[in-house]
Amino acid sequence: MMAHPFTSGPFDPMDKREADEPYFTLLARDPAAAILVEVWAHVRSGNMGLAHAALERLDSPLSGFDPQMDHDGQIRSAMGVANQMTGWRLGNLCRPDPEKGGDL
């Protein structure tokens, strides 16, 4: 269970987050949120076919998903967070570890 305002679950990342580590929040009211969380779970468990199938459900008229324009401020902000996450990960997790002989 991930965290929500009332409980903290065993997989709550906010307690483990580095002070400068970027993060992104999805709320249940976002029509894409549940599917994107499902996609994350499928990708992390190596089930790419199921991840693609879940993403295809966003194209369904029943999903309630209404895409925003690429130039929308919220979209640009999300892309900025994604770029910050990539930079943070490369700068913090992909450094050679001198205690392990320089291996990643």
C-alpha atoms as a PDB file:
ATOM      1  CA  MET A   1       0.000   0.000   0.000  1.00  0.00           C
ATOM      2  CA  MET A   2       1.320   3.403  -0.939  1.00  0.00           C
ATOM      3  CA  ALA A   3       0.822   6.381   1.306  1.00  0.00           C
ATOM      4  CA  HIS A   4      -2.189   8.611   1.333  1.00  0.00           C
ATOM      5  CA  PRO A   5      -3.022  11.392   3.783  1.00  0.00           C
ATOM      6  CA  PHE A   6      -4.351   9.074   6.473  1.00  0.00           C
ATOM      7  CA  THR A   7      -1.905   6.175   6.589  1.00  0.00           C
ATOM      8  CA  SER A   8       1.680   5.393   5.743  1.00  0.00           C
ATOM      9  CA  GLY A   9       2.223   2.028   4.111  1.00  0.00           C
ATOM     10  CA  PRO A  10       5.334  -0.129   3.956  1.00  0.00           C
ATOM     11  CA  PHE A  11       6.110   1.109   0.436  1.00  0.00           C
ATOM     12  CA  ASP A  12       5.642   4.809   1.159  1.00  0.00           C
ATOM     13  CA  PRO A  13       8.471   6.481  -0.763  1.00  0.00           C
ATOM     14  CA  MET A  14       8.256   9.878   0.911  1.00  0.00           C
ATOM     15  CA  ASP A  15       9.962   8.664   4.073  1.00  0.00           C
ATOM     16  CA  LYS A  16      12.826   7.280   1.953  1.00  0.00           C
ATOM     17  CA  ARG A  17      13.099  10.217  -0.455  1.00  0.00           C
ATOM     18  CA  GLU A  18      16.386  12.118  -0.652  1.00  0.00           C
ATOM     19  CA  ALA A  19      16.049  15.806   0.218  1.00  0.00           C
ATOM     20  CA  ASP A  20      16.796  16.886  -3.363  1.00  0.00           C
ATOM     21  CA  GLU A  21      15.032  13.994  -5.080  1.00  0.00           C
ATOM     22  CA  PRO A  22      12.254  15.111  -7.463  1.00  0.00           C
ATOM     23  CA  TYR A  23       8.862  13.434  -7.249  1.00  0.00           C
ATOM     24  CA  PHE A  24       5.532  13.501  -9.054  1.00  0.00           C
ATOM     25  CA  THR A  25       2.090  13.085  -7.511  1.00  0.00           C
ATOM     26  CA  LEU A  26      -1.032  11.653  -9.130  1.00  0.00           C
ATOM     27  CA  LEU A  27      -4.471  12.039  -7.594  1.00  0.00           C
ATOM     28  CA  ALA A  28      -7.292   9.513  -8.039  1.00  0.00           C
ATOM     29  CA  ARG A  29      -9.505  12.151  -9.695  1.00  0.00           C
ATOM     30  CA  ASP A  30      -7.132  12.274 -12.683  1.00  0.00           C
ATOM     31  CA  PRO A  31      -8.697   9.930 -15.261  1.00  0.00           C
ATOM     32  CA  ALA A  32      -5.243   8.728 -16.324  1.00  0.00           C
ATOM     33  CA  ALA A  33      -3.897   8.127 -12.803  1.00  0.00           C
ATOM     34  CA  ALA A  34      -5.116   4.588 -12.089  1.00  0.00           C
ATOM     35  CA  ILE A  35      -4.013   3.325 -15.485  1.00  0.00           C
ATOM     36  CA  LEU A  36      -0.606   5.000 -15.138  1.00  0.00           C
ATOM     37  CA  VAL A  37      -0.083   3.405 -11.726  1.00  0.00           C
ATOM     38  CA  GLU A  38      -1.075   0.065 -13.235  1.00  0.00           C
ATOM     39  CA  VAL A  39       1.385   0.644 -16.101  1.00  0.00           C
ATOM     40  CA  TRP A  40       4.136   1.397 -13.559  1.00  0.00           C
ATOM     41  CA  ALA A  41       3.403  -1.866 -11.730  1.00  0.00           C
ATOM     42  CA  HIS A  42       3.451  -3.883 -14.968  1.00  0.00           C
ATOM     43  CA  VAL A  43       6.680  -2.252 -16.144  1.00  0.00           C
ATOM     44  CA  ARG A  44       8.402  -2.785 -12.794  1.00  0.00           C
ATOM     45  CA  SER A  45       7.415  -6.460 -12.833  1.00  0.00           C
ATOM     46  CA  GLY A  46       8.595  -6.902 -16.432  1.00  0.00           C
ATOM     47  CA  ASN A  47       5.124  -7.372 -17.969  1.00  0.00           C
ATOM     48  CA  MET A  48       5.498  -4.986 -20.911  1.00  0.00           C
ATOM     49  CA  GLY A  49       2.606  -6.532 -22.823  1.00  0.00           C
ATOM     50  CA  LEU A  50       0.229  -5.830 -19.952  1.00  0.00           C
ATOM     51  CA  ALA A  51       1.661  -2.307 -19.637  1.00  0.00           C
ATOM     52  CA  HIS A  52       0.930  -1.633 -23.306  1.00  0.00           C
ATOM     53  CA  ALA A  53      -2.572  -3.082 -22.962  1.00  0.00           C
ATOM     54  CA  ALA A  54      -3.263  -0.797 -20.002  1.00  0.00           C
ATOM     55  CA  LEU A  55      -2.041   2.247 -21.941  1.00  0.00           C
ATOM     56  CA  GLU A  56      -4.328   1.337 -24.836  1.00  0.00           C
ATOM     57  CA  ARG A  57      -7.304   1.611 -22.470  1.00  0.00           C
ATOM     58  CA  LEU A  58      -6.605   5.364 -22.254  1.00  0.00           C
ATOM     59  CA  ASP A  59      -7.732   5.568 -25.903  1.00  0.00           C
ATOM     60  CA  SER A  60     -11.137   4.162 -24.978  1.00  0.00           C
ATOM     61  CA  PRO A  61     -13.954   6.709 -24.926  1.00  0.00           C
ATOM     62  CA  LEU A  62     -15.068   5.059 -21.675  1.00  0.00           C
ATOM     63  CA  SER A  63     -11.838   6.044 -19.907  1.00  0.00           C
ATOM     64  CA  GLY A  64     -12.911   9.672 -19.458  1.00  0.00           C
ATOM     65  CA  PHE A  65      -9.416  10.696 -20.501  1.00  0.00           C
ATOM     66  CA  ASP A  66      -9.256  13.987 -22.384  1.00  0.00           C
ATOM     67  CA  PRO A  67      -5.705  14.783 -23.520  1.00  0.00           C
ATOM     68  CA  GLN A  68      -4.252  18.208 -22.811  1.00  0.00           C
ATOM     69  CA  MET A  69      -2.227  20.182 -25.346  1.00  0.00           C
ATOM     70  CA  ASP A  70       1.560  19.708 -25.355  1.00  0.00           C
ATOM     71  CA  HIS A  71       2.085  23.407 -24.621  1.00  0.00           C
ATOM     72  CA  ASP A  72      -0.225  23.376 -21.576  1.00  0.00           C
ATOM     73  CA  GLY A  73       1.615  24.565 -18.462  1.00  0.00           C
ATOM     74  CA  GLN A  74       0.750  21.441 -16.490  1.00  0.00           C
ATOM     75  CA  ILE A  75       2.107  19.223 -19.268  1.00  0.00           C
ATOM     76  CA  ARG A  76       5.308  21.281 -19.567  1.00  0.00           C
ATOM     77  CA  SER A  77       5.726  21.100 -15.785  1.00  0.00           C
ATOM     78  CA  ALA A  78       5.315  17.297 -15.808  1.00  0.00           C
ATOM     79  CA  MET A  79       7.897  16.983 -18.593  1.00  0.00           C
ATOM     80  CA  GLY A  80      10.222  19.165 -16.537  1.00  0.00           C
ATOM     81  CA  VAL A  81       9.810  16.858 -13.539  1.00  0.00           C
ATOM     82  CA  ALA A  82      10.543  13.845 -15.760  1.00  0.00           C
ATOM     83  CA  ASN A  83      13.731  15.522 -16.977  1.00  0.00           C
ATOM     84  CA  GLN A  84      14.711  16.422 -13.402  1.00  0.00           C
ATOM     85  CA  MET A  85      14.138  12.808 -12.349  1.00  0.00           C
ATOM     86  CA  THR A  86      16.370  11.552 -15.146  1.00  0.00           C
ATOM     87  CA  GLY A  87      19.090  14.022 -14.221  1.00  0.00           C
ATOM     88  CA  TRP A  88      18.815  13.215 -10.525  1.00  0.00           C
ATOM     89  CA  ARG A  89      18.985   9.489 -11.158  1.00  0.00           C
ATOM     90  CA  LEU A  90      21.996   9.806 -13.444  1.00  0.00           C
ATOM     91  CA  GLY A  91      23.750  12.075 -10.976  1.00  0.00           C
ATOM     92  CA  ASN A  92      22.966  10.093  -7.848  1.00  0.00           C
ATOM     93  CA  LEU A  93      22.423   6.451  -8.699  1.00  0.00           C
ATOM     94  CA  CYS A  94      24.592   5.872 -11.749  1.00  0.00           C
ATOM     95  CA  ARG A  95      27.911   6.928 -10.247  1.00  0.00           C
ATOM     96  CA  PRO A  96      30.662   4.355  -9.858  1.00  0.00           C
ATOM     97  CA  ASP A  97      30.921   3.181  -6.268  1.00  0.00           C
ATOM     98  CA  PRO A  98      34.590   3.454  -5.225  1.00  0.00           C
ATOM     99  CA  GLU A  99      34.003   0.926  -2.431  1.00  0.00           C
ATOM    100  CA  LYS A 100      32.952  -1.629  -5.053  1.00  0.00           C
ATOM    101  CA  GLY A 101      35.893  -1.099  -7.366  1.00  0.00           C
ATOM    102  CA  GLY A 102      34.159   1.521  -9.475  1.00  0.00           C
ATOM    103  CA  ASP A 103      31.230  -0.667 -10.542  1.00  0.00           C
ATOM    104  CA  LEU A 104      27.761   0.826 -10.796  1.00  0.00           C
END
